Protein backbone atom coordinates (compact mmCIF):
# COMPACT_ATOMS: atom_id res chain seq x y z
CA UNK A 1 21.28 -15.92 -0.84
CA UNK A 2 18.33 -17.75 0.70
CA UNK A 3 15.97 -16.40 -1.95
CA UNK A 4 18.39 -17.36 -4.73
CA UNK A 5 18.54 -20.90 -3.34
CA UNK A 6 14.76 -21.14 -3.31
CA UNK A 7 14.40 -19.84 -6.88
CA UNK A 8 13.81 -23.23 -8.55
CA UNK A 9 11.03 -24.34 -10.86
CA UNK A 10 8.03 -25.41 -8.78
CA UNK A 11 6.71 -27.75 -11.44
CA UNK A 12 6.96 -28.54 -15.14
CA UNK A 13 3.53 -27.11 -15.75
CA UNK A 14 2.46 -23.51 -15.25
CA UNK A 15 0.40 -22.15 -12.37
CA UNK A 16 -2.81 -22.02 -14.39
CA UNK A 17 -2.52 -25.73 -15.21
CA UNK A 18 -1.94 -26.62 -11.57
CA UNK A 19 -4.84 -24.42 -10.46
CA UNK A 20 -7.19 -25.95 -13.05
CA UNK A 21 -6.31 -29.52 -12.04
CA UNK A 22 -6.38 -28.91 -8.29
CA UNK A 23 -9.27 -26.41 -8.40
CA UNK A 24 -7.42 -24.38 -5.78
CA UNK A 25 -4.95 -21.50 -5.64
CA UNK A 26 -2.34 -20.82 -2.97
CA UNK A 27 -2.16 -17.24 -1.72
CA UNK A 28 0.22 -15.98 0.95
CA UNK A 29 -0.50 -12.68 2.69
CA UNK A 30 0.73 -10.52 5.55
CA UNK A 31 -1.41 -10.90 8.67
CA UNK A 32 -0.18 -7.65 10.25
CA UNK A 33 -0.15 -4.98 7.55
CA UNK A 34 -3.42 -3.09 8.09
CA UNK A 35 -5.07 -1.74 5.97
CA UNK A 36 -3.36 -3.60 3.13
CA UNK A 37 -3.63 -7.13 4.47
CA UNK A 38 -4.40 -8.46 7.91
CA UNK A 39 -6.16 -11.26 9.79
CA UNK A 40 -9.45 -10.09 11.29
CA UNK A 41 -10.98 -11.13 14.62
CA UNK A 42 -12.55 -14.19 12.96
CA UNK A 43 -9.22 -15.24 11.47
CA UNK A 44 -10.15 -14.27 7.91
CA UNK A 45 -7.78 -12.37 5.57
CA UNK A 46 -8.93 -8.83 4.87
CA UNK A 47 -7.59 -5.57 3.47
CA UNK A 48 -6.93 -3.57 0.33
CA UNK A 49 -4.52 -6.13 -1.15
CA UNK A 50 -6.78 -9.03 -0.15
CA UNK A 51 -9.77 -7.46 -1.92
CA UNK A 52 -7.69 -7.08 -5.08
CA UNK A 53 -6.53 -10.70 -4.83
CA UNK A 54 -10.07 -12.03 -4.33
CA UNK A 55 -11.09 -10.31 -7.56
CA UNK A 56 -8.06 -11.74 -9.32
CA UNK A 57 -9.13 -15.20 -8.17
CA UNK A 58 -12.66 -14.61 -9.46
CA UNK A 59 -11.24 -13.59 -12.84
CA UNK A 60 -9.00 -16.66 -13.05
CA UNK A 61 -11.93 -18.90 -12.06
CA UNK A 62 -13.94 -17.43 -14.91
CA UNK A 63 -11.03 -17.77 -17.38
CA UNK A 64 -10.63 -21.45 -16.48
CA UNK A 65 -14.39 -22.13 -16.58
CA UNK A 66 -14.45 -23.51 -13.05
CA UNK A 67 -17.62 -23.67 -10.92
CA UNK A 68 -15.55 -22.93 -7.80
CA UNK A 69 -11.97 -22.12 -6.94
CA UNK A 70 -10.71 -22.74 -3.41
CA UNK A 71 -8.18 -20.34 -1.90
CA UNK A 72 -5.48 -21.90 0.28
CA UNK A 73 -4.40 -19.03 2.53
CA UNK A 74 -1.06 -18.87 4.32
CA UNK A 75 0.74 -16.07 6.17
CA UNK A 76 4.20 -14.57 6.11
CA UNK A 77 6.27 -11.40 6.16
CA UNK A 78 7.78 -10.04 2.95
CA UNK A 79 10.85 -12.33 2.72
CA UNK A 80 8.70 -15.33 3.58
CA UNK A 81 6.06 -14.43 0.97
CA UNK A 82 8.64 -13.97 -1.77
CA UNK A 83 10.33 -17.26 -0.84
CA UNK A 84 6.98 -19.11 -0.84
CA UNK A 85 6.17 -17.90 -4.34
CA UNK A 86 9.73 -18.60 -5.55
CA UNK A 87 9.72 -22.21 -4.35
CA UNK A 88 6.16 -23.03 -5.39
CA UNK A 89 4.51 -23.12 -1.96
CA UNK A 90 2.18 -20.31 -3.05
CA UNK A 91 0.95 -19.15 -6.45
CA UNK A 92 0.36 -15.52 -5.53
CA UNK A 93 1.69 -13.05 -2.99
CA UNK A 94 -1.05 -10.86 -1.56
CA UNK A 95 0.70 -8.42 0.73
CA UNK A 96 2.58 -5.26 -0.12
CA UNK A 97 5.92 -6.18 -1.67
CA UNK A 98 8.42 -3.69 -3.10
CA UNK A 99 8.80 -4.08 -6.83
CA UNK A 100 12.57 -4.25 -6.53
CA UNK A 101 15.29 -5.53 -8.83
CA UNK A 102 16.56 -7.71 -6.00
CA UNK A 103 13.30 -9.61 -5.67
CA UNK A 104 13.05 -9.89 -9.46
CA UNK A 105 16.02 -12.26 -9.35
CA UNK A 106 13.69 -14.92 -7.95
CA UNK A 107 10.10 -13.89 -8.74
CA UNK A 108 8.12 -11.95 -11.31
CA UNK A 109 5.63 -9.23 -10.41
CA UNK A 110 2.13 -8.13 -11.25
CA UNK A 111 1.24 -4.62 -12.34
CA UNK A 112 1.87 -2.14 -9.52
CA UNK A 113 -1.01 -2.09 -7.03
CA UNK A 114 0.10 0.80 -4.84
CA UNK A 115 2.65 3.58 -4.69
CA UNK A 116 3.70 4.80 -1.28
CA UNK A 117 4.46 8.51 -1.52
CA UNK A 118 5.35 11.23 0.91
CA UNK A 119 2.82 13.73 2.20
CA UNK A 120 2.26 16.51 4.71
CA UNK A 121 -0.45 16.72 7.35
CA UNK A 122 -1.13 20.36 8.22
CA UNK A 123 -3.51 22.48 10.23
CA UNK A 124 -6.02 23.97 7.81
CA UNK A 125 -5.49 27.40 9.38
CA UNK A 126 -1.70 27.21 8.92
CA UNK A 127 -1.76 28.69 5.41
CA UNK A 128 0.38 25.81 4.15
CA UNK A 129 -0.65 24.55 0.73
CA UNK A 130 2.71 23.45 -0.64
CA UNK A 131 6.28 22.73 0.41
CA UNK A 132 7.18 26.30 -0.48
CA UNK A 133 4.87 27.52 2.31
CA UNK A 134 6.94 25.79 5.01
CA UNK A 135 9.42 28.65 5.41
CA UNK A 136 9.63 29.63 9.08
CA UNK A 137 7.17 26.86 10.05
CA UNK A 138 7.67 24.05 12.56
CA UNK A 139 7.66 20.78 10.63
CA UNK A 140 7.60 17.47 12.49
CA UNK A 141 9.34 14.40 11.08
CA UNK A 142 10.38 11.04 12.52
CA UNK A 143 14.20 10.88 12.52
CA UNK A 144 16.04 8.37 10.29
CA UNK A 145 13.04 7.69 8.05
CA UNK A 146 12.86 7.87 4.25
CA UNK A 147 10.75 11.01 4.66
CA UNK A 148 13.49 12.74 6.65
CA UNK A 149 16.26 11.57 4.31
CA UNK A 150 14.46 13.04 1.31
CA UNK A 151 13.10 16.08 3.11
CA UNK A 152 16.35 17.63 4.34
CA UNK A 153 18.13 17.93 0.95
CA UNK A 154 14.85 18.93 -0.72
CA UNK A 155 14.35 21.85 1.67
CA UNK A 156 18.00 22.88 1.28
CA UNK A 157 17.83 22.76 -2.52
CA UNK A 158 14.66 24.84 -2.60
CA UNK A 159 15.98 27.24 0.06
CA UNK A 160 13.04 26.61 2.41
CA UNK A 161 14.06 27.39 6.01
CA UNK A 162 11.55 25.21 7.84
CA UNK A 163 12.35 24.24 11.43
CA UNK A 164 12.55 20.43 11.52
CA UNK A 165 11.22 19.10 14.82
CA UNK A 166 11.87 15.43 15.72
CA UNK A 167 8.75 13.45 16.65
CA UNK A 168 8.44 9.93 18.06
CA UNK A 169 5.89 8.60 15.58
CA UNK A 170 2.83 9.57 13.55
CA UNK A 171 0.56 9.64 16.58
CA UNK A 172 2.95 11.99 18.38
CA UNK A 173 3.02 14.21 15.29
CA UNK A 174 -0.77 14.33 15.09
CA UNK A 175 -1.17 15.18 18.75
CA UNK A 176 1.45 17.94 18.63
CA UNK A 177 -0.14 19.28 15.45
CA UNK A 178 -3.54 19.51 17.12
CA UNK A 179 -1.99 21.12 20.21
CA UNK A 180 -0.42 23.82 18.05
CA UNK A 181 3.19 22.77 18.68
CA UNK A 182 3.62 22.07 14.96
CA UNK A 183 2.18 23.58 11.80
CA UNK A 184 2.81 20.39 9.78
CA UNK A 185 4.40 16.99 9.91
CA UNK A 186 5.75 14.81 7.12
CA UNK A 187 5.58 11.08 6.55
CA UNK A 188 4.28 8.29 4.33
CA UNK A 189 0.94 9.23 2.83
CA UNK A 190 -0.83 6.07 3.98
CA UNK A 191 0.30 6.54 7.56
CA UNK A 192 -0.89 10.15 7.52
CA UNK A 193 -4.24 9.07 6.10
CA UNK A 194 -4.64 6.82 9.12
CA UNK A 195 -3.98 9.75 11.45
CA UNK A 196 -6.44 11.93 9.55
CA UNK A 197 -9.08 9.20 9.77
CA UNK A 198 -8.58 9.02 13.54
CA UNK A 199 -9.39 12.72 13.89
CA UNK A 200 -12.33 12.57 11.47
CA UNK A 201 -13.89 9.67 13.38
CA UNK A 202 -13.88 11.92 16.43
CA UNK A 203 -12.72 11.41 19.99
CA UNK A 204 -14.92 11.37 23.05
CA UNK A 205 -14.15 13.33 26.20
CA UNK A 206 -14.62 11.83 29.64
CA UNK A 207 -18.07 13.37 29.95
CA UNK A 208 -19.15 11.89 26.64
CA UNK A 209 -19.01 15.15 24.70
CA UNK A 210 -17.10 15.28 21.44
CA UNK A 211 -13.72 16.98 21.58
CA UNK A 212 -13.54 19.72 18.98
CA UNK A 213 -10.31 19.80 16.96
CA UNK A 214 -9.09 22.05 14.17
CA UNK A 215 -9.63 20.66 10.70
CA UNK A 216 -6.59 19.02 9.22
CA UNK A 217 -5.52 18.92 5.61
CA UNK A 218 -3.51 16.26 3.79
CA UNK A 219 -1.11 17.57 1.12
CA UNK A 220 0.81 15.44 -1.35
CA UNK A 221 4.53 16.14 -1.28
CA UNK A 222 7.39 14.85 -3.41
CA UNK A 223 9.21 13.21 -0.51
CA UNK A 224 9.34 9.58 -1.55
CA UNK A 225 7.84 7.10 -3.97
CA UNK A 226 8.03 3.31 -3.83
CA UNK A 227 5.96 0.99 -6.05
CA UNK A 228 4.40 -2.16 -4.61
CA UNK A 229 3.10 -5.20 -6.49
CA UNK A 230 2.18 -8.88 -6.04
CA UNK A 231 5.00 -11.43 -6.39
CA UNK A 232 4.32 -14.17 -8.97
CA UNK A 233 6.14 -17.33 -10.08
CA UNK A 234 9.08 -16.45 -12.32
CA UNK A 235 8.92 -17.18 -16.06
CA UNK A 236 5.21 -18.03 -16.05
CA UNK A 237 3.92 -15.63 -18.69
CA UNK A 238 0.41 -17.08 -18.90
CA UNK A 239 -0.25 -16.74 -15.18
CA UNK A 240 1.26 -13.26 -15.08
CA UNK A 241 -0.99 -12.22 -17.96
CA UNK A 242 -4.08 -13.65 -16.21
CA UNK A 243 -3.28 -11.69 -13.04
CA UNK A 244 -2.53 -8.48 -14.91
CA UNK A 245 -5.66 -8.73 -17.08
CA UNK A 246 -7.71 -8.93 -13.89
CA UNK A 247 -5.94 -5.92 -12.37
CA UNK A 248 -6.35 -3.95 -15.61
CA UNK A 249 -10.10 -4.53 -15.51
CA UNK A 250 -10.28 -3.50 -11.83
CA UNK A 251 -8.42 -0.27 -12.67
CA UNK A 252 -10.28 0.44 -15.92
CA UNK A 253 -13.74 -0.15 -14.43
CA UNK A 254 -12.80 2.02 -11.43
CA UNK A 255 -13.74 -0.80 -9.08
CA UNK A 256 -10.41 0.08 -7.50
CA UNK A 257 -11.99 3.34 -6.24
CA UNK A 258 -14.57 1.44 -4.20
CA UNK A 259 -11.89 -0.84 -2.76
CA UNK A 260 -9.68 2.14 -1.96
CA UNK A 261 -12.45 4.01 -0.15
CA UNK A 262 -13.36 0.92 1.83
CA UNK A 263 -9.90 0.70 3.36
CA UNK A 264 -8.68 4.29 3.36
CA UNK A 265 -11.90 6.15 4.14
CA UNK A 266 -13.93 8.74 2.27
CA UNK A 267 -10.98 11.16 2.31
CA UNK A 268 -8.57 8.47 1.18
CA UNK A 269 -8.52 9.24 -2.54
CA UNK A 270 -5.55 7.80 -4.47
CA UNK A 271 -2.63 10.19 -4.92
CA UNK A 272 -1.99 11.71 -8.33
CA UNK A 273 0.89 9.30 -8.78
CA UNK A 274 -1.27 6.29 -7.97
CA UNK A 275 -4.04 7.57 -10.25
CA UNK A 276 -1.47 7.65 -13.04
CA UNK A 277 -0.54 4.04 -12.28
CA UNK A 278 -4.20 3.00 -12.49
CA UNK A 279 -4.60 4.86 -15.80
CA UNK A 280 -1.47 3.41 -17.42
CA UNK A 281 -2.05 -0.18 -16.29
CA UNK A 282 -5.80 -0.14 -16.94
CA UNK A 283 -5.29 -0.52 -20.68
CA UNK A 284 -7.75 -2.69 -22.57
CA UNK A 285 -6.76 -5.92 -24.42
């Protein structure tokens, strides 16, 4: 109801007109959503989403023929970001917002910028290469998560008799996996990438020697899929087109690969589903 109340026209002119006159653009981001968007130690916005937004701003600056374009940063969680865009406080949301029908009552959206999908983290010596290999294996999962809700009926439908073991969180799952208490654990792909990166960076023992750990393997799994995009002012076709043209170029030129590796590590390649998104929405004019 709050969002519906805030869904009023911010101004008679479109966002591009306001940006051109004011030579500034308002962007609201999440300060606590690493690695997508966060405030660094110096107070500056950083992250995967922020890098995409900075390139969008550069594209809009070029389109408008401006020598410079100031960014007015503000912070907020998802409801706050959507409300700020809906009521004209910000021109562009730069966090990670679900592209939902509910939000589309009050804002429009850019092309998808990320798809959160389910995955498995397994010991490389476990012999697990697919969901079908989980029969008789100990599979960790955090209770009452989207991964668990999708996993249980999926295993039942495919007649896979894995032993589901409750874990506290992703860190607990990683530690129990390395200790041999689990052969795999399931969760959101991005979260598991973070756990994999922690192991790959290496841990130091008390005597300064590196702790050797078994190699881990990340496997995509059809557990969940949720598209994320940037919220935009509703019914502003010109601004939406400017944002989407910039994203299409980022995808088509594969600049998105460099941004992705920067924030998700050398083993953080986009999933097949996300690669498909980049291909479809990277169409030329």
